[in-house]
Amino acid sequence: MGDIQFLLIKKHAIVFAALFFIGVLLVSASVIFKQSQVDQETVIKKQMKLLRVKIANIAHDKSLIDEYQTRYLQLIDKGFFSGETRLSWIEQLEVTSSRLALPDLSYNIDVQQELQQDVFSSPQGLALFKSRFTFQSSLLHEGDLLDLMADLTFLDSGLLVVDHCELSRSHQGGDKAVNKADIHYLFHSLCDVSWFTAVELVDAAPSLRRNP
């Protein structure tokens, strides 16, 4: 009788041990699987974060490309890559002089010069040129000088930069009354401006010029 009870206890003990071992294996497997899922989720989150950063960088780069290409096309429209057209400058001065009744407008345009890289750093594949333009005239009003500059600025013949402009009061005529035919030119202007243009070199990178 005692042997039978011992065998039954031994049998139940073996079953219990087996179930306990299986339970431990299942719990361990569950913990390992859960940790694997957490690690995988962490990796995926990091990858998604990196992906969002790359997408943001791509969007930023695209916006920069669009912005600079727009500026580039604006320079093309302004004639920056068309070479100097000093004849149009002279014609515009004559037209403005006639419109504003400027009696003694005079001007001088220096020989065009290529700017060296140590003076201005220009992009690879471009040669930058400068034409110095000096003009002076008597003026009825200060606003005449602004009108004259505006007319030159609107020309599509390069990039205009005002280097120096001096406006002084003229002493001619004084404040005495004169005939209606007489005109008092109260001011005198002397200005130095520079026209900048560029030429694409033959072996330059593919052009971004807009097709007609």
Protein backbone atom coordinates (compact mmCIF):
# COMPACT_ATOMS: atom_id res chain seq x y z
CA MET A 1 0.00 0.00 0.00
CA GLY A 2 2.80 2.34 0.88
CA ASP A 3 4.56 1.58 -2.39
CA ILE A 4 1.44 2.44 -4.36
CA GLN A 5 1.09 5.79 -2.58
CA PHE A 6 4.77 6.57 -3.20
CA LEU A 7 4.37 5.78 -6.89
CA LEU A 8 1.30 8.03 -7.13
CA ILE A 9 3.10 10.86 -5.32
CA LYS A 10 6.13 10.39 -7.55
CA LYS A 11 3.92 10.42 -10.64
CA HIS A 12 2.16 13.61 -9.57
CA ALA A 13 5.49 15.17 -8.66
CA ILE A 14 6.86 14.38 -12.12
CA VAL A 15 3.75 15.81 -13.76
CA PHE A 16 3.95 18.92 -11.60
CA ALA A 17 7.63 19.38 -12.37
CA ALA A 18 6.96 18.94 -16.09
CA LEU A 19 4.11 21.46 -16.01
CA PHE A 20 6.21 23.87 -13.97
CA PHE A 21 9.08 23.54 -16.44
CA ILE A 22 6.73 24.08 -19.37
CA GLY A 23 5.24 27.09 -17.59
CA VAL A 24 8.69 28.57 -17.00
CA LEU A 25 9.54 28.01 -20.67
CA LEU A 26 6.31 29.69 -21.77
CA VAL A 27 6.84 32.66 -19.44
CA SER A 28 10.46 33.00 -20.56
CA ALA A 29 9.45 32.75 -24.21
CA SER A 30 6.73 35.32 -23.62
CA VAL A 31 9.19 37.73 -21.94
CA ILE A 32 11.76 37.23 -24.69
CA PHE A 33 9.11 37.73 -27.39
CA LYS A 34 7.80 40.86 -25.69
CA GLN A 35 11.30 42.29 -25.33
CA SER A 36 11.96 41.47 -29.00
CA GLN A 37 8.79 43.33 -29.97
CA VAL A 38 9.82 46.32 -27.82
CA ASP A 39 13.30 46.37 -29.38
CA GLN A 40 11.82 46.09 -32.86
CA GLU A 41 9.38 48.91 -32.10
CA THR A 42 12.28 51.07 -30.85
CA VAL A 43 14.23 50.39 -34.04
CA ILE A 44 11.19 51.20 -36.18
CA LYS A 45 10.62 54.46 -34.27
CA LYS A 46 14.25 55.45 -34.80
CA GLN A 47 13.99 54.61 -38.50
CA MET A 48 10.77 56.63 -38.80
CA LYS A 49 12.42 59.57 -37.03
CA LEU A 50 15.40 59.42 -39.38
CA LEU A 51 13.00 59.15 -42.31
CA ARG A 52 11.10 62.24 -41.17
CA VAL A 53 14.39 64.14 -40.83
CA LYS A 54 15.44 63.08 -44.35
CA ILE A 55 12.03 64.08 -45.75
CA ALA A 56 12.29 67.47 -44.00
CA ASN A 57 15.81 67.97 -45.40
CA ILE A 58 14.64 67.04 -48.89
CA ALA A 59 11.72 69.50 -48.61
CA HIS A 60 14.12 72.21 -47.38
CA ASP A 61 16.57 71.52 -50.20
CA LYS A 62 13.74 71.63 -52.72
CA SER A 63 12.53 74.98 -51.37
CA LEU A 64 16.09 76.34 -51.63
CA ILE A 65 16.40 75.07 -55.20
CA ASP A 66 13.05 76.66 -56.12
CA GLU A 67 14.03 79.93 -54.44
CA TYR A 68 17.44 80.20 -56.09
CA GLN A 69 16.16 79.07 -59.46
CA THR A 70 13.49 81.78 -59.23
CA ARG A 71 16.19 84.34 -58.45
CA TYR A 72 18.32 82.97 -61.28
CA LEU A 73 15.45 83.32 -63.75
CA GLN A 74 14.82 86.86 -62.49
CA LEU A 75 18.45 87.70 -63.25
CA ILE A 76 17.99 86.27 -66.73
CA ASP A 77 14.90 88.44 -67.20
CA LYS A 78 16.94 91.46 -66.05
CA GLY A 79 19.49 90.75 -68.78
CA PHE A 80 22.23 89.80 -66.34
CA PHE A 81 23.40 86.98 -68.65
CA SER A 82 22.90 88.88 -71.90
CA GLY A 83 26.10 90.90 -71.94
CA GLU A 84 26.27 94.67 -71.64
CA THR A 85 23.94 96.83 -73.74
CA ARG A 86 25.36 100.29 -73.20
CA LEU A 87 23.40 101.63 -76.16
CA SER A 88 20.16 101.03 -74.24
CA TRP A 89 21.61 102.92 -71.25
CA ILE A 90 22.43 105.91 -73.42
CA GLU A 91 19.03 105.81 -75.14
CA GLN A 92 17.26 105.67 -71.80
CA LEU A 93 19.27 108.60 -70.48
CA GLU A 94 18.35 110.65 -73.54
CA VAL A 95 14.66 109.75 -73.18
CA THR A 96 14.65 110.58 -69.47
CA SER A 97 16.60 113.79 -70.09
CA SER A 98 14.01 114.90 -72.62
CA ARG A 99 11.08 113.96 -70.36
CA LEU A 100 12.49 115.79 -67.32
CA ALA A 101 13.86 118.71 -69.37
CA LEU A 102 17.44 118.24 -68.19
CA PRO A 103 19.53 120.75 -70.16
CA ASP A 104 23.09 119.64 -69.53
CA LEU A 105 23.04 115.90 -68.95
CA SER A 106 26.46 114.41 -69.62
CA TYR A 107 27.74 110.88 -69.15
CA ASN A 108 30.74 108.66 -69.53
CA ILE A 109 30.95 104.86 -69.72
CA ASP A 110 34.27 103.22 -68.97
CA VAL A 111 35.54 100.18 -70.83
CA GLN A 112 33.95 96.98 -69.56
CA GLN A 113 36.24 94.99 -67.26
CA GLU A 114 36.18 91.41 -66.12
CA LEU A 115 36.26 91.09 -62.34
CA GLN A 116 38.87 88.77 -60.91
CA GLN A 117 38.01 86.03 -58.43
CA ASP A 118 39.97 87.75 -55.67
CA VAL A 119 37.65 90.77 -55.98
CA PHE A 120 34.30 88.99 -56.25
CA SER A 121 33.75 85.29 -55.74
CA SER A 122 31.58 84.22 -58.68
CA PRO A 123 30.18 80.71 -59.18
CA GLN A 124 32.20 78.22 -61.19
CA GLY A 125 31.48 78.46 -64.89
CA LEU A 126 30.67 82.19 -64.84
CA ALA A 127 32.72 85.22 -65.78
CA LEU A 128 31.58 88.44 -64.08
CA PHE A 129 31.91 91.81 -65.83
CA LYS A 130 31.52 95.40 -64.64
CA SER A 131 30.90 98.59 -66.58
CA ARG A 132 31.36 101.85 -64.67
CA PHE A 133 28.90 104.53 -65.67
CA THR A 134 29.19 108.21 -64.60
CA PHE A 135 26.62 110.90 -65.34
CA GLN A 136 25.79 114.38 -64.11
CA SER A 137 23.04 116.91 -64.73
CA SER A 138 21.23 119.94 -63.39
CA LEU A 139 17.85 119.13 -61.83
CA LEU A 140 14.65 121.02 -61.17
CA HIS A 141 13.76 118.88 -58.15
CA GLU A 142 15.40 116.21 -56.02
CA GLY A 143 12.79 113.77 -57.31
CA ASP A 144 14.19 114.08 -60.83
CA LEU A 145 17.23 112.11 -59.69
CA LEU A 146 15.00 109.34 -58.34
CA ASP A 147 13.08 109.25 -61.61
CA LEU A 148 16.31 109.03 -63.58
CA MET A 149 17.59 106.16 -61.41
CA ALA A 150 14.26 104.36 -61.62
CA ASP A 151 14.31 104.51 -65.42
CA LEU A 152 17.80 103.00 -65.47
CA THR A 153 16.87 100.33 -62.94
CA PHE A 154 13.89 99.16 -64.98
CA LEU A 155 16.12 98.43 -67.98
CA ASP A 156 16.59 94.72 -68.68
CA SER A 157 20.28 95.11 -69.38
CA GLY A 158 22.09 93.86 -66.30
CA LEU A 159 22.28 94.45 -62.59
CA LEU A 160 22.55 98.12 -61.62
CA VAL A 161 24.46 99.07 -58.44
CA VAL A 162 24.76 102.69 -57.31
CA ASP A 163 28.34 103.26 -56.14
CA HIS A 164 28.09 106.95 -55.33
CA CYS A 165 25.59 109.71 -55.85
CA GLU A 166 26.00 113.35 -54.83
CA LEU A 167 23.19 115.88 -54.87
CA SER A 168 24.12 119.54 -54.32
CA ARG A 169 22.18 122.79 -54.46
CA SER A 170 22.85 124.95 -57.49
CA HIS A 171 23.61 128.64 -56.99
CA GLN A 172 22.41 129.70 -60.41
CA GLY A 173 19.41 131.99 -60.64
CA GLY A 174 19.09 132.75 -56.93
CA ASP A 175 15.62 133.61 -55.66
CA LYS A 176 14.94 136.56 -57.98
CA ALA A 177 11.82 136.54 -60.16
CA VAL A 178 12.41 135.81 -63.86
CA ASN A 179 10.32 135.40 -67.00
CA LYS A 180 8.17 132.32 -67.44
CA ALA A 181 10.54 131.13 -70.12
CA ASP A 182 13.35 130.97 -67.56
CA ILE A 183 13.76 127.74 -65.60
CA HIS A 184 15.51 127.52 -62.29
CA TYR A 185 17.56 124.37 -61.96
CA LEU A 186 17.95 124.26 -58.22
CA PHE A 187 20.10 121.13 -57.89
CA HIS A 188 23.03 119.41 -59.50
CA SER A 189 23.67 115.65 -59.40
CA LEU A 190 26.81 113.61 -59.94
CA CYS A 191 26.47 109.82 -59.83
CA ASP A 192 28.66 106.79 -60.33
CA VAL A 193 26.89 103.52 -61.00
CA SER A 194 28.04 100.08 -62.07
CA TRP A 195 26.36 97.67 -64.44
CA PHE A 196 27.12 94.03 -63.70
CA THR A 197 26.69 91.30 -66.28
CA ALA A 198 27.87 87.71 -66.52
CA VAL A 199 28.80 85.27 -69.27
CA GLU A 200 28.49 81.51 -68.98
CA LEU A 201 31.69 79.75 -69.96
CA VAL A 202 31.63 77.12 -72.68
CA ASP A 203 32.59 74.27 -70.35
CA ALA A 204 30.18 75.35 -67.62
CA ALA A 205 27.60 73.13 -65.96
CA PRO A 206 24.22 72.56 -67.71
CA SER A 207 22.35 75.84 -68.01
CA LEU A 208 19.24 76.65 -66.00
CA ARG A 209 18.03 79.08 -68.64
CA ARG A 210 14.32 79.05 -69.31
CA ASN A 211 13.38 77.68 -72.71
CA PRO A 212 11.43 80.12 -74.88
